[in-house]
Amino acid sequence: MTESEHGRYWFCVKHHRVEGPDGCPPIDRLGPYATEEEASRALEKAAERNEAWDNDPNWNDPKE
């Protein structure tokens, strides 16, 4: 049984597709994710996290 059959998926930012463990090199991938569906939302999830971090008062200097 391969790793992808155990629920290991990555999102390739170079090709904009979900891949299994034999996909592109790690520098081009986000993950791993448990499901293909979760991996397919990788860019959306990253944007949500960036937005949250950008607006986190614990990580932002006060604006003058």
C-alpha atoms as a PDB file:
ATOM      1  CA  MET A   1       0.000   0.000   0.000  1.00  0.00           C
ATOM      2  CA  THR A   2       1.435   3.414  -0.980  1.00  0.00           C
ATOM      3  CA  GLU A   3       1.608   6.454   1.277  1.00  0.00           C
ATOM      4  CA  SER A   4      -1.144   8.171  -0.754  1.00  0.00           C
ATOM      5  CA  GLU A   5      -3.424   5.223   0.003  1.00  0.00           C
ATOM      6  CA  HIS A   6      -2.769   5.972   3.681  1.00  0.00           C
ATOM      7  CA  GLY A   7      -4.025   9.533   3.144  1.00  0.00           C
ATOM      8  CA  ARG A   8      -0.872  11.454   2.225  1.00  0.00           C
ATOM      9  CA  TYR A   9      -1.480  14.132  -0.415  1.00  0.00           C
ATOM     10  CA  TRP A  10       0.321  17.311  -1.407  1.00  0.00           C
ATOM     11  CA  PHE A  11      -0.594  20.319  -3.513  1.00  0.00           C
ATOM     12  CA  CYS A  12       1.953  21.172  -6.204  1.00  0.00           C
ATOM     13  CA  VAL A  13       2.250  24.957  -6.522  1.00  0.00           C
ATOM     14  CA  LYS A  14       4.130  24.575  -9.809  1.00  0.00           C
ATOM     15  CA  HIS A  15       1.426  22.543 -11.578  1.00  0.00           C
ATOM     16  CA  HIS A  16      -1.579  23.543  -9.407  1.00  0.00           C
ATOM     17  CA  ARG A  17      -2.687  19.979  -8.782  1.00  0.00           C
ATOM     18  CA  VAL A  18      -2.934  17.408  -6.005  1.00  0.00           C
ATOM     19  CA  GLU A  19      -0.152  14.823  -5.979  1.00  0.00           C
ATOM     20  CA  GLY A  20       0.793  11.701  -4.092  1.00  0.00           C
ATOM     21  CA  PRO A  21       4.195  10.993  -2.541  1.00  0.00           C
ATOM     22  CA  ASP A  22       5.860  10.468  -5.934  1.00  0.00           C
ATOM     23  CA  GLY A  23       5.006  13.951  -7.173  1.00  0.00           C
ATOM     24  CA  CYS A  24       7.153  17.029  -7.576  1.00  0.00           C
ATOM     25  CA  PRO A  25      10.036  17.876  -5.220  1.00  0.00           C
ATOM     26  CA  PRO A  26       9.134  19.206  -1.749  1.00  0.00           C
ATOM     27  CA  ILE A  27      10.162  22.764  -2.692  1.00  0.00           C
ATOM     28  CA  ASP A  28       7.172  22.872  -5.063  1.00  0.00           C
ATOM     29  CA  ARG A  29       4.579  21.344  -2.729  1.00  0.00           C
ATOM     30  CA  LEU A  30       2.368  22.222   0.222  1.00  0.00           C
ATOM     31  CA  GLY A  31       1.396  19.497   2.634  1.00  0.00           C
ATOM     32  CA  PRO A  32       1.053  16.729   3.460  1.00  0.00           C
ATOM     33  CA  TYR A  33      -2.705  16.624   3.805  1.00  0.00           C
ATOM     34  CA  ALA A  34      -4.890  13.730   4.917  1.00  0.00           C
ATOM     35  CA  THR A  35      -7.256  13.807   1.930  1.00  0.00           C
ATOM     36  CA  GLU A  36      -7.217  14.855  -1.718  1.00  0.00           C
ATOM     37  CA  GLU A  37      -9.984  17.352  -0.982  1.00  0.00           C
ATOM     38  CA  GLU A  38      -7.976  18.977   1.794  1.00  0.00           C
ATOM     39  CA  ALA A  39      -4.905  19.170  -0.469  1.00  0.00           C
ATOM     40  CA  SER A  40      -6.987  20.761  -3.236  1.00  0.00           C
ATOM     41  CA  ARG A  41      -7.779  23.636  -0.853  1.00  0.00           C
ATOM     42  CA  ALA A  42      -4.113  24.236   0.060  1.00  0.00           C
ATOM     43  CA  LEU A  43      -3.830  27.686  -1.544  1.00  0.00           C
ATOM     44  CA  GLU A  44      -7.153  28.790  -0.078  1.00  0.00           C
ATOM     45  CA  LYS A  45      -6.102  27.575   3.382  1.00  0.00           C
ATOM     46  CA  ALA A  46      -2.738  29.356   3.077  1.00  0.00           C
ATOM     47  CA  ALA A  47      -4.506  32.605   2.141  1.00  0.00           C
ATOM     48  CA  GLU A  48      -6.843  32.245   5.146  1.00  0.00           C
ATOM     49  CA  ARG A  49      -3.896  31.702   7.484  1.00  0.00           C
ATOM     50  CA  ASN A  50      -1.981  34.646   6.030  1.00  0.00           C
ATOM     51  CA  GLU A  51      -5.016  36.875   6.532  1.00  0.00           C
ATOM     52  CA  ALA A  52      -5.365  35.731  10.137  1.00  0.00           C
ATOM     53  CA  TRP A  53      -1.670  36.309  10.834  1.00  0.00           C
ATOM     54  CA  ASP A  54      -1.742  39.725   9.140  1.00  0.00           C
ATOM     55  CA  ASN A  55      -4.549  40.757  11.482  1.00  0.00           C
ATOM     56  CA  ASP A  56      -3.209  39.161  14.684  1.00  0.00           C
ATOM     57  CA  PRO A  57      -2.447  41.961  17.152  1.00  0.00           C
ATOM     58  CA  ASN A  58       0.089  39.736  18.932  1.00  0.00           C
ATOM     59  CA  TRP A  59       2.264  39.655  15.786  1.00  0.00           C
ATOM     60  CA  ASN A  60       1.845  43.182  14.445  1.00  0.00           C
ATOM     61  CA  ASP A  61       3.534  46.377  15.503  1.00  0.00           C
ATOM     62  CA  PRO A  62       1.177  49.261  16.193  1.00  0.00           C
ATOM     63  CA  LYS A  63       0.682  51.465  13.166  1.00  0.00           C
ATOM     64  CA  GLU A  64       1.704  55.049  13.612  1.00  0.00           C
END
